[in-house]
N, C-alpha and C. Protein backbone atom coordinates (compact mmCIF):
# COMPACT_ATOMS: atom_id res chain seq x y z
N MET A 1 9.72 181.87 112.34
CA MET A 1 9.20 181.02 111.30
C MET A 1 7.77 181.46 110.99
N PRO A 2 7.46 181.70 109.71
CA PRO A 2 6.11 182.12 109.35
C PRO A 2 5.09 181.05 109.73
N PHE A 3 3.87 181.50 109.93
CA PHE A 3 2.78 180.62 110.38
C PHE A 3 2.59 179.42 109.44
N LEU A 4 2.55 179.63 108.14
CA LEU A 4 2.32 178.52 107.20
C LEU A 4 3.46 177.51 107.25
N ALA A 5 4.68 177.96 107.43
CA ALA A 5 5.81 177.04 107.53
C ALA A 5 5.69 176.20 108.79
N ARG A 6 5.30 176.83 109.92
CA ARG A 6 5.12 176.08 111.17
C ARG A 6 3.99 175.07 111.02
N LEU A 7 2.90 175.48 110.35
CA LEU A 7 1.77 174.59 110.14
C LEU A 7 2.20 173.37 109.31
N ALA A 8 3.01 173.59 108.28
CA ALA A 8 3.49 172.49 107.44
C ALA A 8 4.35 171.53 108.25
N VAL A 9 5.20 172.05 109.13
CA VAL A 9 6.06 171.21 109.95
C VAL A 9 5.23 170.36 110.90
N VAL A 10 4.17 170.93 111.46
CA VAL A 10 3.33 170.20 112.41
C VAL A 10 2.42 169.21 111.69
N THR A 11 1.83 169.59 110.57
CA THR A 11 0.85 168.72 109.92
C THR A 11 1.48 167.63 109.06
N THR A 12 2.70 167.80 108.60
CA THR A 12 3.31 166.79 107.74
C THR A 12 3.42 165.44 108.43
N PRO A 13 3.92 165.35 109.69
CA PRO A 13 3.96 164.03 110.32
C PRO A 13 2.57 163.41 110.51
N VAL A 14 1.58 164.22 110.82
CA VAL A 14 0.21 163.72 110.99
C VAL A 14 -0.29 163.17 109.66
N PHE A 15 -0.05 163.89 108.56
CA PHE A 15 -0.47 163.48 107.24
C PHE A 15 0.21 162.17 106.84
N ILE A 16 1.51 162.06 107.10
CA ILE A 16 2.24 160.83 106.76
C ILE A 16 1.69 159.67 107.57
N PHE A 17 1.40 159.87 108.87
CA PHE A 17 0.82 158.82 109.70
C PHE A 17 -0.53 158.39 109.14
N ALA A 18 -1.36 159.34 108.74
CA ALA A 18 -2.68 159.02 108.20
C ALA A 18 -2.55 158.20 106.92
N LEU A 19 -1.59 158.54 106.07
CA LEU A 19 -1.39 157.78 104.84
C LEU A 19 -0.95 156.35 105.15
N SER A 20 -0.04 156.19 106.11
CA SER A 20 0.42 154.85 106.42
C SER A 20 -0.70 154.04 107.09
N ALA A 21 -1.56 154.68 107.86
CA ALA A 21 -2.68 153.97 108.48
C ALA A 21 -3.65 153.48 107.41
N CYS A 22 -3.85 154.26 106.36
CA CYS A 22 -4.75 153.85 105.28
C CYS A 22 -4.20 152.66 104.50
N ALA A 23 -2.89 152.50 104.52
CA ALA A 23 -2.29 151.40 103.77
C ALA A 23 -2.31 150.10 104.54
N GLY A 24 -2.97 150.07 105.68
CA GLY A 24 -2.98 148.88 106.53
C GLY A 24 -3.88 147.78 106.00
N GLY A 25 -4.33 146.90 106.89
CA GLY A 25 -5.06 145.70 106.53
C GLY A 25 -6.37 145.92 105.81
N ASN A 26 -7.02 147.06 105.97
CA ASN A 26 -8.32 147.27 105.35
C ASN A 26 -8.23 147.85 103.94
N SER A 27 -7.05 148.21 103.49
CA SER A 27 -6.95 148.82 102.17
C SER A 27 -6.88 147.73 101.12
N CYS A 28 -7.34 148.06 99.92
CA CYS A 28 -7.32 147.12 98.82
C CYS A 28 -6.07 147.36 97.97
N PRO A 29 -5.52 146.29 97.39
CA PRO A 29 -4.42 146.49 96.45
C PRO A 29 -4.91 147.32 95.26
N GLU A 30 -4.01 148.06 94.64
CA GLU A 30 -4.38 148.89 93.50
C GLU A 30 -5.01 148.02 92.41
N GLY A 31 -6.12 148.48 91.88
CA GLY A 31 -6.81 147.77 90.81
C GLY A 31 -7.67 146.61 91.29
N ALA A 32 -7.82 146.44 92.58
CA ALA A 32 -8.58 145.32 93.12
C ALA A 32 -10.08 145.61 93.14
N TYR A 33 -10.85 144.55 93.08
CA TYR A 33 -12.30 144.62 93.27
C TYR A 33 -12.55 144.71 94.77
N LYS A 34 -13.51 145.55 95.17
CA LYS A 34 -13.90 145.63 96.58
C LYS A 34 -15.41 145.49 96.64
N ASN A 35 -15.88 144.49 97.39
CA ASN A 35 -17.30 144.28 97.55
C ASN A 35 -17.86 145.31 98.51
N ALA A 36 -18.89 146.02 98.09
CA ALA A 36 -19.45 147.11 98.89
C ALA A 36 -20.07 146.64 100.20
N GLU A 37 -20.67 145.46 100.20
CA GLU A 37 -21.36 144.97 101.39
C GLU A 37 -20.39 144.41 102.44
N THR A 38 -19.37 143.69 102.00
CA THR A 38 -18.47 143.01 102.93
C THR A 38 -17.11 143.69 103.10
N ASN A 39 -16.75 144.58 102.18
CA ASN A 39 -15.43 145.22 102.13
C ASN A 39 -14.31 144.24 101.83
N VAL A 40 -14.62 143.06 101.33
CA VAL A 40 -13.61 142.10 100.90
C VAL A 40 -12.98 142.62 99.61
N CYS A 41 -11.65 142.49 99.53
CA CYS A 41 -10.91 142.92 98.35
C CYS A 41 -10.23 141.73 97.71
N ILE A 42 -10.11 141.77 96.38
CA ILE A 42 -9.38 140.74 95.65
C ILE A 42 -8.98 141.30 94.29
N LYS A 43 -7.77 140.98 93.86
CA LYS A 43 -7.35 141.32 92.50
C LYS A 43 -7.85 140.19 91.60
N LEU A 44 -8.80 140.51 90.75
CA LEU A 44 -9.45 139.49 89.91
C LEU A 44 -8.58 139.11 88.72
N PRO A 45 -8.57 137.82 88.37
CA PRO A 45 -7.86 137.41 87.16
C PRO A 45 -8.63 137.88 85.92
N ALA A 46 -7.96 137.86 84.78
CA ALA A 46 -8.59 138.27 83.52
C ALA A 46 -9.85 137.45 83.28
N ASP A 47 -10.87 138.10 82.77
CA ASP A 47 -12.15 137.49 82.41
C ASP A 47 -12.99 137.04 83.61
N PHE A 48 -12.59 137.38 84.83
CA PHE A 48 -13.37 137.03 86.01
C PHE A 48 -14.09 138.25 86.55
N LYS A 49 -15.29 138.02 87.04
CA LYS A 49 -16.08 139.07 87.66
C LYS A 49 -16.67 138.52 88.95
N ALA A 50 -16.80 139.40 89.93
CA ALA A 50 -17.39 139.01 91.20
C ALA A 50 -18.89 139.25 91.16
N ASP A 51 -19.65 138.29 91.68
CA ASP A 51 -21.07 138.52 91.87
C ASP A 51 -21.18 139.52 93.01
N ASP A 52 -21.83 140.64 92.79
CA ASP A 52 -21.94 141.65 93.85
C ASP A 52 -22.86 141.20 94.97
N LYS A 53 -23.74 140.24 94.69
CA LYS A 53 -24.65 139.74 95.70
C LYS A 53 -23.91 138.77 96.61
N VAL A 54 -24.01 138.99 97.90
CA VAL A 54 -23.38 138.15 98.90
C VAL A 54 -24.34 137.03 99.28
N GLY A 55 -23.88 135.78 99.20
CA GLY A 55 -24.69 134.64 99.60
C GLY A 55 -24.51 134.34 101.08
N LYS A 56 -25.45 133.59 101.63
CA LYS A 56 -25.39 133.19 103.04
C LYS A 56 -25.48 131.67 103.13
N SER A 57 -24.71 131.11 104.06
CA SER A 57 -24.78 129.69 104.36
C SER A 57 -24.52 129.53 105.84
N GLY A 58 -25.57 129.32 106.61
CA GLY A 58 -25.44 129.28 108.06
C GLY A 58 -24.97 130.63 108.58
N GLU A 59 -23.91 130.62 109.38
CA GLU A 59 -23.36 131.86 109.92
C GLU A 59 -22.36 132.52 108.98
N ALA A 60 -21.98 131.83 107.91
CA ALA A 60 -20.98 132.35 106.97
C ALA A 60 -21.65 133.04 105.79
N SER A 61 -20.88 133.92 105.16
CA SER A 61 -21.28 134.57 103.92
C SER A 61 -20.26 134.18 102.86
N TYR A 62 -20.63 134.37 101.60
CA TYR A 62 -19.67 134.05 100.55
C TYR A 62 -19.91 134.91 99.32
N LEU A 63 -18.82 135.10 98.57
CA LEU A 63 -18.86 135.77 97.28
C LEU A 63 -18.44 134.75 96.23
N THR A 64 -19.07 134.77 95.09
CA THR A 64 -18.68 133.90 94.00
C THR A 64 -17.97 134.74 92.95
N ILE A 65 -16.83 134.24 92.51
CA ILE A 65 -16.03 134.89 91.46
C ILE A 65 -16.10 133.97 90.25
N ARG A 66 -16.59 134.51 89.11
CA ARG A 66 -16.89 133.66 87.97
C ARG A 66 -16.24 134.18 86.68
N ASN A 67 -15.77 133.22 85.86
CA ASN A 67 -15.25 133.53 84.54
C ASN A 67 -16.40 133.41 83.56
N SER A 68 -16.76 134.51 82.91
CA SER A 68 -17.92 134.50 82.01
C SER A 68 -17.68 133.69 80.74
N LYS A 69 -16.43 133.47 80.38
CA LYS A 69 -16.13 132.70 79.16
C LYS A 69 -16.11 131.19 79.42
N THR A 70 -15.47 130.77 80.51
CA THR A 70 -15.34 129.33 80.77
C THR A 70 -16.39 128.82 81.76
N LEU A 71 -17.06 129.74 82.44
CA LEU A 71 -18.04 129.43 83.48
C LEU A 71 -17.41 128.79 84.73
N LYS A 72 -16.07 128.78 84.82
CA LYS A 72 -15.39 128.30 86.03
C LYS A 72 -15.54 129.35 87.11
N SER A 73 -15.53 128.91 88.36
CA SER A 73 -15.70 129.86 89.46
C SER A 73 -14.95 129.40 90.70
N PHE A 74 -14.79 130.32 91.63
CA PHE A 74 -14.28 130.01 92.95
C PHE A 74 -14.99 130.91 93.94
N SER A 75 -14.82 130.62 95.23
CA SER A 75 -15.59 131.32 96.26
C SER A 75 -14.68 131.93 97.31
N ILE A 76 -15.14 133.02 97.88
CA ILE A 76 -14.51 133.62 99.04
C ILE A 76 -15.51 133.50 100.18
N TRP A 77 -15.15 132.73 101.19
CA TRP A 77 -16.00 132.54 102.36
C TRP A 77 -15.62 133.54 103.43
N ILE A 78 -16.61 134.17 104.02
CA ILE A 78 -16.43 135.18 105.06
C ILE A 78 -17.02 134.59 106.34
N GLU A 79 -16.14 134.24 107.26
CA GLU A 79 -16.54 133.49 108.44
C GLU A 79 -16.18 134.25 109.71
N LYS A 80 -16.60 133.73 110.85
CA LYS A 80 -16.25 134.37 112.11
C LYS A 80 -14.74 134.25 112.33
N PRO A 81 -14.15 135.17 113.09
CA PRO A 81 -12.69 135.13 113.31
C PRO A 81 -12.25 133.77 113.84
N ASP A 82 -11.05 133.37 113.43
CA ASP A 82 -10.51 132.07 113.84
C ASP A 82 -8.99 132.15 113.80
N GLU A 83 -8.34 131.11 114.33
CA GLU A 83 -6.89 131.05 114.37
C GLU A 83 -6.34 130.51 113.04
N LEU A 84 -5.41 131.24 112.45
CA LEU A 84 -4.83 130.85 111.18
C LEU A 84 -4.13 129.49 111.27
N ASP A 85 -3.31 129.29 112.28
CA ASP A 85 -2.55 128.03 112.39
C ASP A 85 -3.47 126.82 112.52
N LYS A 86 -4.55 126.96 113.26
CA LYS A 86 -5.51 125.86 113.43
C LYS A 86 -6.15 125.51 112.09
N ARG A 87 -6.58 126.51 111.36
CA ARG A 87 -7.23 126.28 110.06
C ARG A 87 -6.23 125.75 109.03
N ALA A 88 -5.00 126.26 109.08
CA ALA A 88 -3.96 125.80 108.14
C ALA A 88 -3.67 124.32 108.35
N LYS A 89 -3.64 123.88 109.59
CA LYS A 89 -3.37 122.47 109.89
C LYS A 89 -4.44 121.56 109.28
N VAL A 90 -5.69 122.00 109.31
CA VAL A 90 -6.79 121.22 108.71
C VAL A 90 -6.54 121.03 107.21
N VAL A 91 -6.15 122.09 106.53
CA VAL A 91 -5.91 122.00 105.08
C VAL A 91 -4.68 121.13 104.81
N GLU A 92 -3.61 121.31 105.57
CA GLU A 92 -2.40 120.49 105.39
C GLU A 92 -2.73 119.01 105.53
N ASN A 93 -3.64 118.68 106.43
CA ASN A 93 -4.01 117.29 106.67
C ASN A 93 -4.86 116.69 105.55
N MET A 94 -5.26 117.51 104.58
CA MET A 94 -6.02 116.99 103.44
C MET A 94 -5.12 116.24 102.47
N ALA A 95 -3.82 116.48 102.54
CA ALA A 95 -2.89 115.81 101.64
C ALA A 95 -2.95 114.30 101.89
N SER A 96 -2.89 113.54 100.78
CA SER A 96 -2.97 112.08 100.86
C SER A 96 -2.25 111.49 99.66
N ALA A 97 -2.38 110.19 99.48
CA ALA A 97 -1.75 109.54 98.34
C ALA A 97 -2.31 110.07 97.02
N ASP A 98 -3.61 110.36 96.99
CA ASP A 98 -4.23 110.88 95.78
C ASP A 98 -4.17 112.41 95.69
N MET A 99 -4.14 113.09 96.82
CA MET A 99 -4.18 114.55 96.86
C MET A 99 -2.83 115.06 97.36
N LYS A 100 -1.95 115.41 96.45
CA LYS A 100 -0.58 115.84 96.78
C LYS A 100 -0.52 117.34 96.97
N LEU A 101 0.17 117.76 98.03
CA LEU A 101 0.43 119.18 98.25
C LEU A 101 1.55 119.59 97.30
N VAL A 102 1.25 120.48 96.35
CA VAL A 102 2.26 120.90 95.37
C VAL A 102 2.89 122.24 95.70
N ALA A 103 2.19 123.06 96.50
CA ALA A 103 2.76 124.36 96.89
C ALA A 103 2.01 124.88 98.11
N SER A 104 2.73 125.61 98.93
CA SER A 104 2.12 126.30 100.06
C SER A 104 3.03 127.45 100.44
N GLY A 105 2.47 128.42 101.15
CA GLY A 105 3.27 129.57 101.56
C GLY A 105 2.40 130.66 102.14
N ASP A 106 2.98 131.85 102.19
CA ASP A 106 2.30 133.00 102.76
C ASP A 106 1.64 133.83 101.67
N THR A 107 0.51 134.44 102.01
CA THR A 107 -0.15 135.36 101.09
C THR A 107 0.36 136.77 101.39
N SER A 108 0.23 137.63 100.41
CA SER A 108 0.69 139.01 100.58
C SER A 108 -0.31 139.93 99.89
N PRO A 109 -0.66 141.00 100.46
CA PRO A 109 -0.17 141.64 101.68
C PRO A 109 -0.94 141.22 102.93
N SER A 110 -1.82 140.24 102.82
CA SER A 110 -2.79 139.95 103.88
C SER A 110 -2.28 139.09 105.04
N LYS A 111 -1.07 138.59 104.98
CA LYS A 111 -0.49 137.80 106.07
C LYS A 111 -1.30 136.53 106.38
N GLY A 112 -1.70 135.87 105.31
CA GLY A 112 -2.39 134.60 105.45
C GLY A 112 -1.53 133.48 104.92
N LYS A 113 -2.14 132.35 104.62
CA LYS A 113 -1.43 131.19 104.08
C LYS A 113 -2.24 130.61 102.92
N PHE A 114 -1.51 130.02 101.96
CA PHE A 114 -2.20 129.35 100.85
C PHE A 114 -1.68 127.91 100.74
N PHE A 115 -2.54 127.06 100.16
CA PHE A 115 -2.22 125.66 99.94
C PHE A 115 -2.75 125.27 98.57
N HIS A 116 -1.93 124.60 97.78
CA HIS A 116 -2.30 124.17 96.44
C HIS A 116 -2.10 122.66 96.39
N LEU A 117 -3.18 121.92 96.19
CA LEU A 117 -3.14 120.46 96.14
C LEU A 117 -3.57 119.98 94.76
N HIS A 118 -3.01 118.86 94.33
CA HIS A 118 -3.35 118.28 93.02
C HIS A 118 -3.78 116.83 93.21
N ASN A 119 -4.91 116.50 92.62
CA ASN A 119 -5.40 115.13 92.62
C ASN A 119 -4.95 114.49 91.31
N GLY A 120 -3.98 113.55 91.41
CA GLY A 120 -3.43 112.89 90.23
C GLY A 120 -4.43 112.05 89.48
N PRO A 121 -5.13 111.13 90.16
CA PRO A 121 -6.08 110.28 89.43
C PRO A 121 -7.18 111.07 88.72
N GLY A 122 -7.67 112.13 89.33
CA GLY A 122 -8.73 112.93 88.72
C GLY A 122 -8.20 114.10 87.90
N ASN A 123 -6.90 114.36 87.97
CA ASN A 123 -6.24 115.48 87.30
C ASN A 123 -6.98 116.80 87.53
N TYR A 124 -7.22 117.10 88.80
CA TYR A 124 -7.81 118.38 89.15
C TYR A 124 -7.08 118.96 90.36
N ASP A 125 -7.23 120.26 90.54
CA ASP A 125 -6.60 120.96 91.65
C ASP A 125 -7.63 121.44 92.65
N PHE A 126 -7.20 121.48 93.88
CA PHE A 126 -7.93 122.10 94.98
C PHE A 126 -6.94 123.09 95.59
N ALA A 127 -7.38 124.31 95.82
CA ALA A 127 -6.50 125.30 96.42
C ALA A 127 -7.31 126.18 97.36
N VAL A 128 -6.63 126.67 98.39
CA VAL A 128 -7.30 127.52 99.36
C VAL A 128 -6.29 128.54 99.89
N ALA A 129 -6.78 129.75 100.10
CA ALA A 129 -6.02 130.78 100.79
C ALA A 129 -6.79 131.11 102.06
N LEU A 130 -6.10 131.13 103.18
CA LEU A 130 -6.70 131.43 104.48
C LEU A 130 -6.16 132.75 104.97
N VAL A 131 -7.05 133.68 105.27
CA VAL A 131 -6.62 135.03 105.65
C VAL A 131 -7.38 135.48 106.90
N PRO A 132 -6.66 135.66 108.01
CA PRO A 132 -7.32 136.18 109.19
C PRO A 132 -7.50 137.70 109.07
N GLY A 133 -8.64 138.19 109.50
CA GLY A 133 -8.89 139.63 109.54
C GLY A 133 -9.27 140.02 110.96
N LYS A 134 -9.43 141.30 111.19
CA LYS A 134 -9.83 141.76 112.52
C LYS A 134 -11.26 141.38 112.84
N GLU A 135 -12.13 141.43 111.82
CA GLU A 135 -13.55 141.16 112.03
C GLU A 135 -14.01 139.80 111.51
N HIS A 136 -13.25 139.21 110.58
CA HIS A 136 -13.66 137.98 109.92
C HIS A 136 -12.45 137.09 109.64
N PHE A 137 -12.76 135.87 109.23
CA PHE A 137 -11.75 134.96 108.70
C PHE A 137 -12.16 134.70 107.26
N TYR A 138 -11.23 134.83 106.32
CA TYR A 138 -11.53 134.68 104.90
C TYR A 138 -10.90 133.39 104.38
N ARG A 139 -11.70 132.67 103.61
CA ARG A 139 -11.24 131.42 102.99
C ARG A 139 -11.59 131.50 101.51
N CYS A 140 -10.58 131.66 100.69
CA CYS A 140 -10.77 131.70 99.24
C CYS A 140 -10.48 130.29 98.74
N GLU A 141 -11.47 129.67 98.09
CA GLU A 141 -11.39 128.25 97.80
C GLU A 141 -11.69 127.93 96.34
N ILE A 142 -10.82 127.10 95.76
CA ILE A 142 -10.95 126.62 94.38
C ILE A 142 -11.12 125.11 94.46
N GLN A 143 -12.16 124.58 93.83
CA GLN A 143 -12.43 123.15 93.93
C GLN A 143 -12.50 122.50 92.56
N ASN A 144 -11.95 121.29 92.46
CA ASN A 144 -12.10 120.43 91.28
C ASN A 144 -11.90 121.18 89.96
N THR A 145 -10.77 121.86 89.85
CA THR A 145 -10.49 122.69 88.69
C THR A 145 -9.27 122.16 87.95
N PRO A 146 -9.31 122.08 86.61
CA PRO A 146 -8.13 121.66 85.86
C PRO A 146 -6.91 122.53 86.24
N PRO A 147 -5.73 121.90 86.35
CA PRO A 147 -4.54 122.61 86.83
C PRO A 147 -4.24 123.93 86.12
N ASP A 148 -4.34 123.97 84.79
CA ASP A 148 -4.02 125.21 84.09
C ASP A 148 -5.02 126.32 84.39
N GLU A 149 -6.25 125.97 84.69
CA GLU A 149 -7.26 126.98 85.02
C GLU A 149 -7.20 127.39 86.49
N ALA A 150 -6.65 126.54 87.35
CA ALA A 150 -6.59 126.84 88.77
C ALA A 150 -5.51 127.87 89.10
N LYS A 151 -4.44 127.93 88.32
CA LYS A 151 -3.31 128.81 88.63
C LYS A 151 -3.70 130.28 88.76
N PRO A 152 -4.39 130.89 87.78
CA PRO A 152 -4.75 132.30 87.95
C PRO A 152 -5.74 132.53 89.09
N MET A 153 -6.59 131.53 89.35
CA MET A 153 -7.53 131.66 90.47
C MET A 153 -6.77 131.68 91.80
N LEU A 154 -5.77 130.80 91.94
CA LEU A 154 -4.99 130.78 93.16
C LEU A 154 -4.22 132.08 93.34
N GLU A 155 -3.65 132.60 92.26
CA GLU A 155 -2.93 133.88 92.36
C GLU A 155 -3.88 134.98 92.85
N ALA A 156 -5.12 134.96 92.40
CA ALA A 156 -6.11 135.92 92.86
C ALA A 156 -6.41 135.69 94.34
N CYS A 157 -6.60 134.44 94.73
CA CYS A 157 -6.91 134.13 96.13
C CYS A 157 -5.82 134.64 97.07
N LYS A 158 -4.60 134.64 96.61
CA LYS A 158 -3.49 135.11 97.45
C LYS A 158 -3.59 136.61 97.76
N THR A 159 -4.45 137.34 97.04
CA THR A 159 -4.58 138.79 97.26
C THR A 159 -5.78 139.15 98.13
N VAL A 160 -6.56 138.17 98.58
CA VAL A 160 -7.77 138.44 99.36
C VAL A 160 -7.43 139.14 100.68
N GLY A 161 -8.27 140.10 101.03
CA GLY A 161 -8.13 140.79 102.31
C GLY A 161 -9.44 141.46 102.68
N GLY A 162 -9.52 141.94 103.90
CA GLY A 162 -10.72 142.62 104.35
C GLY A 162 -10.62 142.98 105.81
N PRO A 163 -11.69 143.54 106.34
CA PRO A 163 -11.67 144.00 107.73
C PRO A 163 -11.70 142.85 108.73
């Protein structure tokens, strides 16, 4: 077997492994925004832009995602690592007579969970996606938003990921 053919046989499995490793938890979905400072990724909804400046609140950091036309926004909180099930239980317990859980499930590709709640008397939505990472815990949160405006934000939150 010629040298180049042997080299191709040996390097092909290594190359395929390297490609699959890059597609793991730290990679961003195609077309996603990636914050340079935090490496947080999110597929932004139409007309939304991320503030590149990372805010601080105590030990947590956050990114604000804002719609320049409607001025509506939501936040991605970057916190210390935590247990997904423990945090999910806290959000599930927010449901009440006024705050109905309308949808919940798994996020993809980040292996987190999302919760979508609706406040009937106030006619607003609250939604959160919880995503555990190796280095951080991510909480993408939408507060007091009209239902029709909350839907694209929640779909974006379901795509959050990072290291």
